[in-house]
PDB file of N, CA and C in Angstrom:
ATOM      1  N   UNK A   1      88.769  89.680 -97.709  1.00  0.00           N
ATOM      2  CA  UNK A   1      88.541  91.011 -97.353  1.00  0.00           C
ATOM      3  C   UNK A   1      87.318  91.006 -96.413  1.00  0.00           C
ATOM      4  N   UNK A   2      87.613  91.080 -95.161  1.00  0.00           N
ATOM      5  CA  UNK A   2      86.407  91.033 -94.335  1.00  0.00           C
ATOM      6  C   UNK A   2      85.770  92.577 -94.255  1.00  0.00           C
ATOM      7  N   UNK A   3      86.497  93.422 -94.810  1.00  0.00           N
ATOM      8  CA  UNK A   3      86.131  94.803 -94.573  1.00  0.00           C
ATOM      9  C   UNK A   3      84.863  95.080 -95.460  1.00  0.00           C
ATOM     10  N   UNK A   4      84.630  94.464 -96.441  1.00  0.00           N
ATOM     11  CA  UNK A   4      83.284  94.593 -97.145  1.00  0.00           C
ATOM     12  C   UNK A   4      82.197  94.009 -96.333  1.00  0.00           C
ATOM     13  N   UNK A   5      82.292  93.037 -95.630  1.00  0.00           N
ATOM     14  CA  UNK A   5      81.131  92.658 -94.797  1.00  0.00           C
ATOM     15  C   UNK A   5      81.032  93.511 -93.587  1.00  0.00           C
ATOM     16  N   UNK A   6      82.067  94.198 -93.035  1.00  0.00           N
ATOM     17  CA  UNK A   6      81.932  95.135 -92.131  1.00  0.00           C
ATOM     18  C   UNK A   6      81.208  96.352 -92.590  1.00  0.00           C
ATOM     19  N   UNK A   7      81.634  96.868 -93.987  1.00  0.00           N
ATOM     20  CA  UNK A   7      81.058  97.933 -94.532  1.00  0.00           C
ATOM     21  C   UNK A   7      79.543  97.718 -94.619  1.00  0.00           C
ATOM     22  N   UNK A   8      79.094  96.578 -95.113  1.00  0.00           N
ATOM     23  CA  UNK A   8      77.801  96.204 -95.377  1.00  0.00           C
ATOM     24  C   UNK A   8      77.147  96.251 -93.985  1.00  0.00           C
ATOM     25  N   UNK A   9      77.581  95.837 -92.996  1.00  0.00           N
ATOM     26  CA  UNK A   9      76.911  95.910 -91.599  1.00  0.00           C
ATOM     27  C   UNK A   9      76.917  97.380 -91.134  1.00  0.00           C
ATOM     28  N   UNK A  10      77.855  98.130 -91.393  1.00  0.00           N
ATOM     29  CA  UNK A  10      77.728  99.570 -90.962  1.00  0.00           C
ATOM     30  C   UNK A  10      76.524 100.288 -91.837  1.00  0.00           C
ATOM     31  N   UNK A  11      76.431  99.939 -93.061  1.00  0.00           N
ATOM     32  CA  UNK A  11      75.433 100.542 -93.922  1.00  0.00           C
ATOM     33  C   UNK A  11      73.972 100.027 -93.315  1.00  0.00           C
ATOM     34  N   UNK A  12      73.702  98.715 -92.876  1.00  0.00           N
ATOM     35  CA  UNK A  12      72.615  98.251 -92.293  1.00  0.00           C
ATOM     36  C   UNK A  12      72.345  98.932 -91.018  1.00  0.00           C
ATOM     37  N   UNK A  13      73.228  99.077 -90.196  1.00  0.00           N
ATOM     38  CA  UNK A  13      73.027  99.639 -88.906  1.00  0.00           C
ATOM     39  C   UNK A  13      72.618 101.204 -89.136  1.00  0.00           C
ATOM     40  N   UNK A  14      73.302 101.892 -89.873  1.00  0.00           N
ATOM     41  CA  UNK A  14      72.886 103.413 -90.067  1.00  0.00           C
ATOM     42  C   UNK A  14      71.444 103.408 -90.737  1.00  0.00           C
ATOM     43  N   UNK A  15      71.297 102.610 -91.786  1.00  0.00           N
ATOM     44  CA  UNK A  15      69.983 102.706 -92.559  1.00  0.00           C
ATOM     45  C   UNK A  15      68.886 102.452 -91.470  1.00  0.00           C
ATOM     46  N   UNK A  16      69.104 101.239 -90.628  1.00  0.00           N
ATOM     47  CA  UNK A  16      68.079 100.970 -89.624  1.00  0.00           C
ATOM     48  C   UNK A  16      67.758 102.187 -88.697  1.00  0.00           C
ATOM     49  N   UNK A  17      68.789 102.868 -88.225  1.00  0.00           N
ATOM     50  CA  UNK A  17      68.690 103.992 -87.381  1.00  0.00           C
ATOM     51  C   UNK A  17      67.933 105.063 -87.979  1.00  0.00           C
ATOM     52  N   UNK A  18      68.237 105.451 -89.379  1.00  0.00           N
ATOM     53  CA  UNK A  18      67.765 106.316 -90.248  1.00  0.00           C
ATOM     54  C   UNK A  18      66.209 106.222 -90.460  1.00  0.00           C
ATOM     55  N   UNK A  19      65.840 104.946 -90.676  1.00  0.00           N
ATOM     56  CA  UNK A  19      64.431 104.441 -90.800  1.00  0.00           C
ATOM     57  C   UNK A  19      63.619 104.615 -89.638  1.00  0.00           C
ATOM     58  N   UNK A  20      64.244 104.547 -88.532  1.00  0.00           N
ATOM     59  CA  UNK A  20      63.324 104.825 -87.150  1.00  0.00           C
ATOM     60  C   UNK A  20      62.937 106.277 -87.150  1.00  0.00           C
ATOM     61  N   UNK A  21      63.700 107.225 -87.581  1.00  0.00           N
ATOM     62  CA  UNK A  21      63.388 108.659 -87.515  1.00  0.00           C
ATOM     63  C   UNK A  21      62.421 108.910 -88.707  1.00  0.00           C
ATOM     64  N   UNK A  22      62.477 108.291 -89.744  1.00  0.00           N
ATOM     65  CA  UNK A  22      61.392 108.639 -90.922  1.00  0.00           C
ATOM     66  C   UNK A  22      61.990 109.263 -92.045  1.00  0.00           C
ATOM     67  N   UNK A  23      61.321 110.131 -92.691  1.00  0.00           N
ATOM     68  CA  UNK A  23      61.794 110.630 -93.873  1.00  0.00           C
ATOM     69  C   UNK A  23      63.095 111.537 -93.688  1.00  0.00           C
ATOM     70  N   UNK A  24      64.180 110.987 -93.945  1.00  0.00           N
ATOM     71  CA  UNK A  24      65.423 111.619 -93.691  1.00  0.00           C
ATOM     72  C   UNK A  24      66.568 111.074 -94.531  1.00  0.00           C
ATOM     73  N   UNK A  25      67.487 111.709 -94.717  1.00  0.00           N
ATOM     74  CA  UNK A  25      68.782 111.294 -95.656  1.00  0.00           C
ATOM     75  C   UNK A  25      69.938 111.258 -94.555  1.00  0.00           C
ATOM     76  N   UNK A  26      70.829 110.690 -94.778  1.00  0.00           N
ATOM     77  CA  UNK A  26      72.035 110.432 -93.913  1.00  0.00           C
ATOM     78  C   UNK A  26      73.091 111.525 -94.507  1.00  0.00           C
ATOM     79  N   UNK A  27      73.409 112.486 -93.776  1.00  0.00           N
ATOM     80  CA  UNK A  27      74.256 113.609 -94.187  1.00  0.00           C
ATOM     81  C   UNK A  27      75.698 113.171 -93.998  1.00  0.00           C
ATOM     82  N   UNK A  28      75.965 112.660 -92.549  1.00  0.00           N
ATOM     83  CA  UNK A  28      77.450 112.411 -92.275  1.00  0.00           C
ATOM     84  C   UNK A  28      77.390 111.197 -91.374  1.00  0.00           C
ATOM     85  N   UNK A  29      78.503 110.344 -91.438  1.00  0.00           N
ATOM     86  CA  UNK A  29      78.764 109.241 -90.554  1.00  0.00           C
ATOM     87  C   UNK A  29      80.101 109.373 -90.002  1.00  0.00           C
ATOM     88  N   UNK A  30      80.138 109.236 -88.675  1.00  0.00           N
ATOM     89  CA  UNK A  30      81.554 109.179 -88.021  1.00  0.00           C
ATOM     90  C   UNK A  30      81.848 107.774 -87.579  1.00  0.00           C
ATOM     91  N   UNK A  31      82.876 107.171 -88.029  1.00  0.00           N
ATOM     92  CA  UNK A  31      83.484 105.766 -87.558  1.00  0.00           C
ATOM     93  C   UNK A  31      84.627 105.987 -86.819  1.00  0.00           C
ATOM     94  N   UNK A  32      84.741 105.123 -85.810  1.00  0.00           N
ATOM     95  CA  UNK A  32      86.009 105.090 -85.031  1.00  0.00           C
ATOM     96  C   UNK A  32      86.564 103.668 -85.197  1.00  0.00           C
ATOM     97  N   UNK A  33      87.925 103.610 -85.675  1.00  0.00           N
ATOM     98  CA  UNK A  33      88.514 102.330 -85.993  1.00  0.00           C
ATOM     99  C   UNK A  33      89.791 102.259 -84.989  1.00  0.00           C
ATOM    100  N   UNK A  34      89.993 101.343 -84.380  1.00  0.00           N
ATOM    101  CA  UNK A  34      91.033 101.026 -83.566  1.00  0.00           C
ATOM    102  C   UNK A  34      92.265 100.482 -84.282  1.00  0.00           C
ATOM    103  N   UNK A  35      93.458 101.005 -83.919  1.00  0.00           N
ATOM    104  CA  UNK A  35      94.700 100.499 -84.503  1.00  0.00           C
ATOM    105  C   UNK A  35      95.014  98.939 -84.411  1.00  0.00           C
ATOM    106  N   UNK A  36      94.285  98.223 -83.319  1.00  0.00           N
ATOM    107  CA  UNK A  36      94.426  96.891 -83.120  1.00  0.00           C
ATOM    108  C   UNK A  36      93.056  96.184 -83.532  1.00  0.00           C
ATOM    109  N   UNK A  37      92.281  96.755 -84.309  1.00  0.00           N
ATOM    110  CA  UNK A  37      90.912  96.179 -84.710  1.00  0.00           C
ATOM    111  C   UNK A  37      91.004  95.124 -85.674  1.00  0.00           C
ATOM    112  N   UNK A  38      92.158  95.190 -86.446  1.00  0.00           N
ATOM    113  CA  UNK A  38      92.392  94.250 -87.512  1.00  0.00           C
ATOM    114  C   UNK A  38      91.830  94.743 -88.901  1.00  0.00           C
ATOM    115  N   UNK A  39      91.373  95.893 -88.801  1.00  0.00           N
ATOM    116  CA  UNK A  39      90.856  96.534 -90.088  1.00  0.00           C
ATOM    117  C   UNK A  39      91.970  97.317 -90.832  1.00  0.00           C
ATOM    118  N   UNK A  40      91.917  97.044 -92.170  1.00  0.00           N
ATOM    119  CA  UNK A  40      92.762  97.697 -92.986  1.00  0.00           C
ATOM    120  C   UNK A  40      92.103  98.961 -93.503  1.00  0.00           C
ATOM    121  N   UNK A  41      92.595 100.200 -93.142  1.00  0.00           N
ATOM    122  CA  UNK A  41      91.736 101.366 -93.467  1.00  0.00           C
ATOM    123  C   UNK A  41      91.499 101.646 -95.004  1.00  0.00           C
ATOM    124  N   UNK A  42      92.436 101.438 -95.773  1.00  0.00           N
ATOM    125  CA  UNK A  42      92.158 101.613 -97.230  1.00  0.00           C
ATOM    126  C   UNK A  42      91.110 100.594 -97.710  1.00  0.00           C
ATOM    127  N   UNK A  43      91.260  99.374 -97.262  1.00  0.00           N
ATOM    128  CA  UNK A  43      90.121  98.356 -97.763  1.00  0.00           C
ATOM    129  C   UNK A  43      88.764  98.774 -97.155  1.00  0.00           C
ATOM    130  N   UNK A  44      88.716  99.279 -95.997  1.00  0.00           N
ATOM    131  CA  UNK A  44      87.326  99.765 -95.498  1.00  0.00           C
ATOM    132  C   UNK A  44      86.823 100.857 -96.157  1.00  0.00           C
ATOM    133  N   UNK A  45      87.748 101.969 -96.375  1.00  0.00           N
ATOM    134  CA  UNK A  45      87.233 103.005 -97.153  1.00  0.00           C
ATOM    135  C   UNK A  45      86.804 102.606 -98.560  1.00  0.00           C
ATOM    136  N   UNK A  46      87.496 101.808 -99.320  1.00  0.00           N
ATOM    137  CA  UNK A  46      87.049 101.310-100.620  1.00  0.00           C
ATOM    138  C   UNK A  46      85.640 100.532-100.341  1.00  0.00           C
ATOM    139  N   UNK A  47      85.558  99.698 -99.526  1.00  0.00           N
ATOM    140  CA  UNK A  47      84.411  98.846 -99.187  1.00  0.00           C
ATOM    141  C   UNK A  47      83.153  99.826 -98.917  1.00  0.00           C
ATOM    142  N   UNK A  48      83.417 100.757 -98.036  1.00  0.00           N
ATOM    143  CA  UNK A  48      82.285 101.735 -97.793  1.00  0.00           C
ATOM    144  C   UNK A  48      81.759 102.457 -98.926  1.00  0.00           C
ATOM    145  N   UNK A  49      82.859 102.942 -99.849  1.00  0.00           N
ATOM    146  CA  UNK A  49      82.520 103.581-101.022  1.00  0.00           C
ATOM    147  C   UNK A  49      81.582 102.776-101.912  1.00  0.00           C
ATOM    148  N   UNK A  50      81.823 101.511-101.880  1.00  0.00           N
ATOM    149  CA  UNK A  50      81.102 100.489-102.745  1.00  0.00           C
ATOM    150  C   UNK A  50      79.741 100.235-102.136  1.00  0.00           C
ATOM    151  N   UNK A  51      79.849  99.947-100.816  1.00  0.00           N
ATOM    152  CA  UNK A  51      78.587  99.596-100.029  1.00  0.00           C
ATOM    153  C   UNK A  51      77.441 100.544 -99.977  1.00  0.00           C
ATOM    154  N   UNK A  52      77.756 101.812-100.106  1.00  0.00           N
ATOM    155  CA  UNK A  52      76.768 102.954 -99.911  1.00  0.00           C
ATOM    156  C   UNK A  52      76.098 103.233-101.189  1.00  0.00           C
ATOM    157  N   UNK A  53      76.640 102.803-102.329  1.00  0.00           N
ATOM    158  CA  UNK A  53      75.994 102.958-103.587  1.00  0.00           C
ATOM    159  C   UNK A  53      74.630 102.482-103.608  1.00  0.00           C
ATOM    160  N   UNK A  54      73.651 103.412-104.001  1.00  0.00           N
ATOM    161  CA  UNK A  54      72.306 103.008-104.311  1.00  0.00           C
ATOM    162  C   UNK A  54      71.524 102.899-102.997  1.00  0.00           C
ATOM    163  N   UNK A  55      72.130 103.289-101.916  1.00  0.00           N
ATOM    164  CA  UNK A  55      71.427 103.329-100.503  1.00  0.00           C
ATOM    165  C   UNK A  55      71.213 104.787-100.099  1.00  0.00           C
ATOM    166  N   UNK A  56      70.430 104.995 -98.988  1.00  0.00           N
ATOM    167  CA  UNK A  56      70.102 106.307 -98.437  1.00  0.00           C
ATOM    168  C   UNK A  56      71.397 106.949 -97.905  1.00  0.00           C
ATOM    169  N   UNK A  57      72.518 106.294 -97.850  1.00  0.00           N
ATOM    170  CA  UNK A  57      73.753 106.784 -97.498  1.00  0.00           C
ATOM    171  C   UNK A  57      74.579 107.284 -98.620  1.00  0.00           C
ATOM    172  N   UNK A  58      74.133 106.955 -99.833  1.00  0.00           N
ATOM    173  CA  UNK A  58      75.013 107.330-100.996  1.00  0.00           C
ATOM    174  C   UNK A  58      75.613 108.766-100.958  1.00  0.00           C
ATOM    175  N   UNK A  59      75.066 109.834-100.394  1.00  0.00           N
ATOM    176  CA  UNK A  59      75.431 111.144-100.454  1.00  0.00           C
ATOM    177  C   UNK A  59      76.287 111.499 -98.996  1.00  0.00           C
ATOM    178  N   UNK A  60      76.148 110.580 -98.306  1.00  0.00           N
ATOM    179  CA  UNK A  60      76.912 110.918 -96.949  1.00  0.00           C
ATOM    180  C   UNK A  60      78.491 111.061 -96.942  1.00  0.00           C
ATOM    181  N   UNK A  61      78.787 111.959 -96.074  1.00  0.00           N
ATOM    182  CA  UNK A  61      80.207 112.171 -95.884  1.00  0.00           C
ATOM    183  C   UNK A  61      80.581 111.254 -94.762  1.00  0.00           C
ATOM    184  N   UNK A  62      81.782 110.386 -95.007  1.00  0.00           N
ATOM    185  CA  UNK A  62      81.984 109.490 -94.071  1.00  0.00           C
ATOM    186  C   UNK A  62      83.451 109.938 -93.442  1.00  0.00           C
ATOM    187  N   UNK A  63      83.469 110.121 -92.220  1.00  0.00           N
ATOM    188  CA  UNK A  63      84.712 110.440 -91.481  1.00  0.00           C
ATOM    189  C   UNK A  63      85.277 109.360 -90.615  1.00  0.00           C
ATOM    190  N   UNK A  64      86.367 108.921 -90.846  1.00  0.00           N
ATOM    191  CA  UNK A  64      87.098 107.843 -90.216  1.00  0.00           C
ATOM    192  C   UNK A  64      88.151 108.551 -89.279  1.00  0.00           C
ATOM    193  N   UNK A  65      87.889 108.158 -88.055  1.00  0.00           N
ATOM    194  CA  UNK A  65      88.808 108.567 -86.891  1.00  0.00           C
ATOM    195  C   UNK A  65      89.473 107.276 -86.349  1.00  0.00           C
ATOM    196  N   UNK A  66      90.824 107.344 -86.471  1.00  0.00           N
ATOM    197  CA  UNK A  66      91.869 106.282 -86.244  1.00  0.00           C
ATOM    198  C   UNK A  66      92.076 106.433 -84.690  1.00  0.00           C
ATOM    199  N   UNK A  67      91.833 105.367 -83.865  1.00  0.00           N
ATOM    200  CA  UNK A  67      92.222 105.369 -82.522  1.00  0.00           C
ATOM    201  C   UNK A  67      93.432 104.455 -82.238  1.00  0.00           C
ATOM    202  N   UNK A  68      94.361 105.124 -81.684  1.00  0.00           N
ATOM    203  CA  UNK A  68      95.763 104.464 -81.466  1.00  0.00           C
ATOM    204  C   UNK A  68      95.517 103.529 -80.079  1.00  0.00           C
ATOM    205  N   UNK A  69      96.110 102.513 -80.158  1.00  0.00           N
ATOM    206  CA  UNK A  69      96.112 101.568 -79.107  1.00  0.00           C
ATOM    207  C   UNK A  69      96.729 101.992 -77.731  1.00  0.00           C
ATOM    208  N   UNK A  70      96.167 101.857 -76.554  1.00  0.00           N
ATOM    209  CA  UNK A  70      96.582 102.182 -75.344  1.00  0.00           C
ATOM    210  C   UNK A  70      96.449 100.971 -74.578  1.00  0.00           C
ATOM    211  N   UNK A  71      97.496 100.518 -73.831  1.00  0.00           N
ATOM    212  CA  UNK A  71      97.330  99.352 -72.969  1.00  0.00           C
ATOM    213  C   UNK A  71      97.603  99.693 -71.489  1.00  0.00           C
ATOM    214  N   UNK A  72      97.275  98.853 -70.617  1.00  0.00           N
ATOM    215  CA  UNK A  72      97.491  99.085 -69.188  1.00  0.00           C
ATOM    216  C   UNK A  72      98.207  97.745 -68.696  1.00  0.00           C
ATOM    217  N   UNK A  73      99.060  97.980 -67.633  1.00  0.00           N
ATOM    218  CA  UNK A  73      99.567  96.766 -66.954  1.00  0.00           C
ATOM    219  C   UNK A  73      98.915  96.573 -65.777  1.00  0.00           C
ATOM    220  N   UNK A  74      98.641  95.280 -65.444  1.00  0.00           N
ATOM    221  CA  UNK A  74      97.905  94.858 -64.255  1.00  0.00           C
ATOM    222  C   UNK A  74      98.918  94.811 -62.990  1.00  0.00           C
ATOM    223  N   UNK A  75     100.013  94.862 -63.329  1.00  0.00           N
ATOM    224  CA  UNK A  75     101.188  94.723 -62.312  1.00  0.00           C
ATOM    225  C   UNK A  75     101.484  96.169 -61.640  1.00  0.00           C
ATOM    226  N   UNK A  76     101.875  97.018 -62.427  1.00  0.00           N
ATOM    227  CA  UNK A  76     102.288  98.195 -62.016  1.00  0.00           C
ATOM    228  C   UNK A  76     101.316  99.401 -62.413  1.00  0.00           C
ATOM    229  N   UNK A  77     100.187  99.127 -63.025  1.00  0.00           N
ATOM    230  CA  UNK A  77      99.206 100.070 -63.257  1.00  0.00           C
ATOM    231  C   UNK A  77      99.526 101.252 -64.332  1.00  0.00           C
ATOM    232  N   UNK A  78     100.672 101.060 -65.023  1.00  0.00           N
ATOM    233  CA  UNK A  78     101.028 102.128 -65.921  1.00  0.00           C
ATOM    234  C   UNK A  78     100.391 101.947 -67.336  1.00  0.00           C
ATOM    235  N   UNK A  79     100.111 102.990 -67.897  1.00  0.00           N
ATOM    236  CA  UNK A  79      99.667 102.849 -69.242  1.00  0.00           C
ATOM    237  C   UNK A  79     100.712 102.973 -70.290  1.00  0.00           C
ATOM    238  N   UNK A  80     100.566 102.455 -71.422  1.00  0.00           N
ATOM    239  CA  UNK A  80     101.656 102.439 -72.501  1.00  0.00           C
ATOM    240  C   UNK A  80     101.008 102.163 -73.779  1.00  0.00           C
ATOM    241  N   UNK A  81     101.759 102.632 -74.839  1.00  0.00           N
ATOM    242  CA  UNK A  81     101.384 102.201 -76.238  1.00  0.00           C
ATOM    243  C   UNK A  81     102.062 100.956 -76.805  1.00  0.00           C
ATOM    244  N   UNK A  82     101.239 100.008 -76.829  1.00  0.00           N
ATOM    245  CA  UNK A  82     101.779  98.749 -77.323  1.00  0.00           C
ATOM    246  C   UNK A  82     101.973  98.638 -78.928  1.00  0.00           C
ATOM    247  N   UNK A  83     102.778  97.882 -79.226  1.00  0.00           N
ATOM    248  CA  UNK A  83     103.111  97.682 -80.680  1.00  0.00           C
ATOM    249  C   UNK A  83     102.176  96.549 -81.122  1.00  0.00           C
ATOM    250  N   UNK A  84     102.080  96.311 -82.468  1.00  0.00           N
ATOM    251  CA  UNK A  84     101.091  95.283 -82.891  1.00  0.00           C
ATOM    252  C   UNK A  84     101.167  93.947 -82.300  1.00  0.00           C
ATOM    253  N   UNK A  85     102.466  93.678 -81.896  1.00  0.00           N
ATOM    254  CA  UNK A  85     102.509  92.219 -81.657  1.00  0.00           C
ATOM    255  C   UNK A  85     103.302  92.183 -80.189  1.00  0.00           C
ATOM    256  N   UNK A  86     103.558  93.307 -79.545  1.00  0.00           N
ATOM    257  CA  UNK A  86     104.178  93.191 -78.402  1.00  0.00           C
ATOM    258  C   UNK A  86     103.380  94.073 -77.224  1.00  0.00           C
ATOM    259  N   UNK A  87     102.862  93.288 -76.325  1.00  0.00           N
ATOM    260  CA  UNK A  87     101.958  94.088 -75.189  1.00  0.00           C
ATOM    261  C   UNK A  87     102.661  93.868 -73.828  1.00  0.00           C
ATOM    262  N   UNK A  88     104.053  93.661 -73.882  1.00  0.00           N
ATOM    263  CA  UNK A  88     104.705  93.535 -72.709  1.00  0.00           C
ATOM    264  C   UNK A  88     104.805  94.924 -72.053  1.00  0.00           C
ATOM    265  N   UNK A  89     104.605  95.061 -70.725  1.00  0.00           N
ATOM    266  CA  UNK A  89     104.867  96.528 -70.190  1.00  0.00           C
ATOM    267  C   UNK A  89     106.227  96.888 -70.221  1.00  0.00           C
ATOM    268  N   UNK A  90     106.466  98.114 -70.761  1.00  0.00           N
ATOM    269  CA  UNK A  90     107.887  98.619 -70.898  1.00  0.00           C
ATOM    270  C   UNK A  90     108.421  99.101 -69.455  1.00  0.00           C
ATOM    271  N   UNK A  91     107.442  99.296 -68.490  1.00  0.00           N
ATOM    272  CA  UNK A  91     107.773  99.748 -67.241  1.00  0.00           C
ATOM    273  C   UNK A  91     108.252  98.735 -66.247  1.00  0.00           C
ATOM    274  N   UNK A  92     107.537  97.449 -66.339  1.00  0.00           N
ATOM    275  CA  UNK A  92     108.048  96.387 -65.281  1.00  0.00           C
ATOM    276  C   UNK A  92     108.207  95.168 -66.131  1.00  0.00           C
ATOM    277  N   UNK A  93     108.013  95.098 -67.335  1.00  0.00           N
ATOM    278  CA  UNK A  93     108.262  93.767 -68.100  1.00  0.00           C
ATOM    279  C   UNK A  93     107.067  92.757 -67.953  1.00  0.00           C
ATOM    280  N   UNK A  94     106.124  93.172 -67.237  1.00  0.00           N
ATOM    281  CA  UNK A  94     105.029  92.211 -67.078  1.00  0.00           C
ATOM    282  C   UNK A  94     104.362  91.872 -68.360  1.00  0.00           C
ATOM    283  N   UNK A  95     103.928  90.651 -68.472  1.00  0.00           N
ATOM    284  CA  UNK A  95     102.991  90.199 -69.657  1.00  0.00           C
ATOM    285  C   UNK A  95     101.587  90.243 -69.097  1.00  0.00           C
ATOM    286  N   UNK A  96     101.175  90.813 -67.984  1.00  0.00           N
ATOM    287  CA  UNK A  96      99.859  90.803 -67.505  1.00  0.00           C
ATOM    288  C   UNK A  96      99.202  92.223 -67.868  1.00  0.00           C
ATOM    289  N   UNK A  97      99.020  92.389 -69.117  1.00  0.00           N
ATOM    290  CA  UNK A  97      98.456  93.650 -69.659  1.00  0.00           C
ATOM    291  C   UNK A  97      97.255  93.389 -70.455  1.00  0.00           C
ATOM    292  N   UNK A  98      96.564  94.569 -70.787  1.00  0.00           N
ATOM    293  CA  UNK A  98      95.261  94.520 -71.414  1.00  0.00           C
ATOM    294  C   UNK A  98      95.160  95.759 -72.264  1.00  0.00           C
ATOM    295  N   UNK A  99      94.332  95.754 -73.296  1.00  0.00           N
ATOM    296  CA  UNK A  99      93.967  96.995 -74.068  1.00  0.00           C
ATOM    297  C   UNK A  99      93.074  97.817 -73.597  1.00  0.00           C
ATOM    298  N   UNK A 100      93.132  99.181 -73.408  1.00  0.00           N
ATOM    299  CA  UNK A 100      92.076 100.034 -72.976  1.00  0.00           C
ATOM    300  C   UNK A 100      91.406 100.566 -74.253  1.00  0.00           C
ATOM    301  N   UNK A 101      92.285 100.982 -75.286  1.00  0.00           N
ATOM    302  CA  UNK A 101      91.814 101.398 -76.535  1.00  0.00           C
ATOM    303  C   UNK A 101      92.499 100.708 -77.527  1.00  0.00           C
ATOM    304  N   UNK A 102      91.819 100.770 -78.816  1.00  0.00           N
ATOM    305  CA  UNK A 102      92.578 100.208 -79.986  1.00  0.00           C
ATOM    306  C   UNK A 102      91.837  99.082 -80.672  1.00  0.00           C
ATOM    307  N   UNK A 103      90.906  98.540 -80.072  1.00  0.00           N
ATOM    308  CA  UNK A 103      89.987  97.519 -80.599  1.00  0.00           C
ATOM    309  C   UNK A 103      88.810  98.004 -81.239  1.00  0.00           C
ATOM    310  N   UNK A 104      88.514  99.272 -81.120  1.00  0.00           N
ATOM    311  CA  UNK A 104      87.284  99.927 -81.500  1.00  0.00           C
ATOM    312  C   UNK A 104      87.105  99.625 -83.031  1.00  0.00           C
ATOM    313  N   UNK A 105      85.661  99.543 -83.426  1.00  0.00           N
ATOM    314  CA  UNK A 105      85.028  99.609 -84.690  1.00  0.00           C
ATOM    315  C   UNK A 105      83.664  99.896 -84.523  1.00  0.00           C
ATOM    316  N   UNK A 106      83.322 101.143 -84.481  1.00  0.00           N
ATOM    317  CA  UNK A 106      81.930 101.566 -84.237  1.00  0.00           C
ATOM    318  C   UNK A 106      81.666 102.759 -84.794  1.00  0.00           C
ATOM    319  N   UNK A 107      80.281 103.009 -85.082  1.00  0.00           N
ATOM    320  CA  UNK A 107      79.596 104.033 -85.642  1.00  0.00           C
ATOM    321  C   UNK A 107      79.574 104.961 -84.392  1.00  0.00           C
ATOM    322  N   UNK A 108      80.335 106.011 -84.486  1.00  0.00           N
ATOM    323  CA  UNK A 108      80.360 106.953 -83.300  1.00  0.00           C
ATOM    324  C   UNK A 108      79.181 108.063 -83.391  1.00  0.00           C
ATOM    325  N   UNK A 109      78.758 108.432 -84.603  1.00  0.00           N
ATOM    326  CA  UNK A 109      77.673 109.433 -84.647  1.00  0.00           C
ATOM    327  C   UNK A 109      77.181 109.335 -86.072  1.00  0.00           C
ATOM    328  N   UNK A 110      75.905 109.833 -86.249  1.00  0.00           N
ATOM    329  CA  UNK A 110      75.242 109.957 -87.567  1.00  0.00           C
ATOM    330  C   UNK A 110      74.527 111.188 -87.560  1.00  0.00           C
ATOM    331  N   UNK A 111      74.807 112.105 -88.677  1.00  0.00           N
ATOM    332  CA  UNK A 111      73.967 113.260 -88.808  1.00  0.00           C
ATOM    333  C   UNK A 111      72.903 113.033 -89.869  1.00  0.00           C
ATOM    334  N   UNK A 112      71.779 113.536 -89.609  1.00  0.00           N
ATOM    335  CA  UNK A 112      70.590 113.198 -90.614  1.00  0.00           C
ATOM    336  C   UNK A 112      70.130 114.483 -91.133  1.00  0.00           C
ATOM    337  N   UNK A 113      69.609 114.556 -92.202  1.00  0.00           N
ATOM    338  CA  UNK A 113      68.752 115.727 -92.678  1.00  0.00           C
ATOM    339  C   UNK A 113      67.527 115.348 -93.236  1.00  0.00           C
ATOM    340  N   UNK A 114      66.542 116.305 -92.900  1.00  0.00           N
ATOM    341  CA  UNK A 114      64.982 115.987 -93.400  1.00  0.00           C
ATOM    342  C   UNK A 114      64.918 116.132 -94.788  1.00  0.00           C
ATOM    343  N   UNK A 115      64.095 115.270 -95.471  1.00  0.00           N
ATOM    344  CA  UNK A 115      63.778 115.375 -96.790  1.00  0.00           C
ATOM    345  C   UNK A 115      62.582 116.180 -97.181  1.00  0.00           C
TER     346      UNK A 115
END
């Protein structure tokens, strides 16, 4: 379950940013997770709940924003929604495609409150 190491990294990143500000607590964290990121949402939710225990993030509300994959074709320049295993352009059947969105795994925003 690599989601636990991801959760621990998220906690570390947010804690470091909060420490830069000084005496504050983390009120809210907004995460973006792409549908093609390889992250299992239920596993990440469980891992985050465990990883924040005993940290300055323990009382934080965590919002998970799911980002659906969008791909583009290099041949016909059309955008489309790929499936998990099929990235062939449905417009021209080209295999020359790439993901525009869907691989995200990032801390979108953090809300802090003064202590």
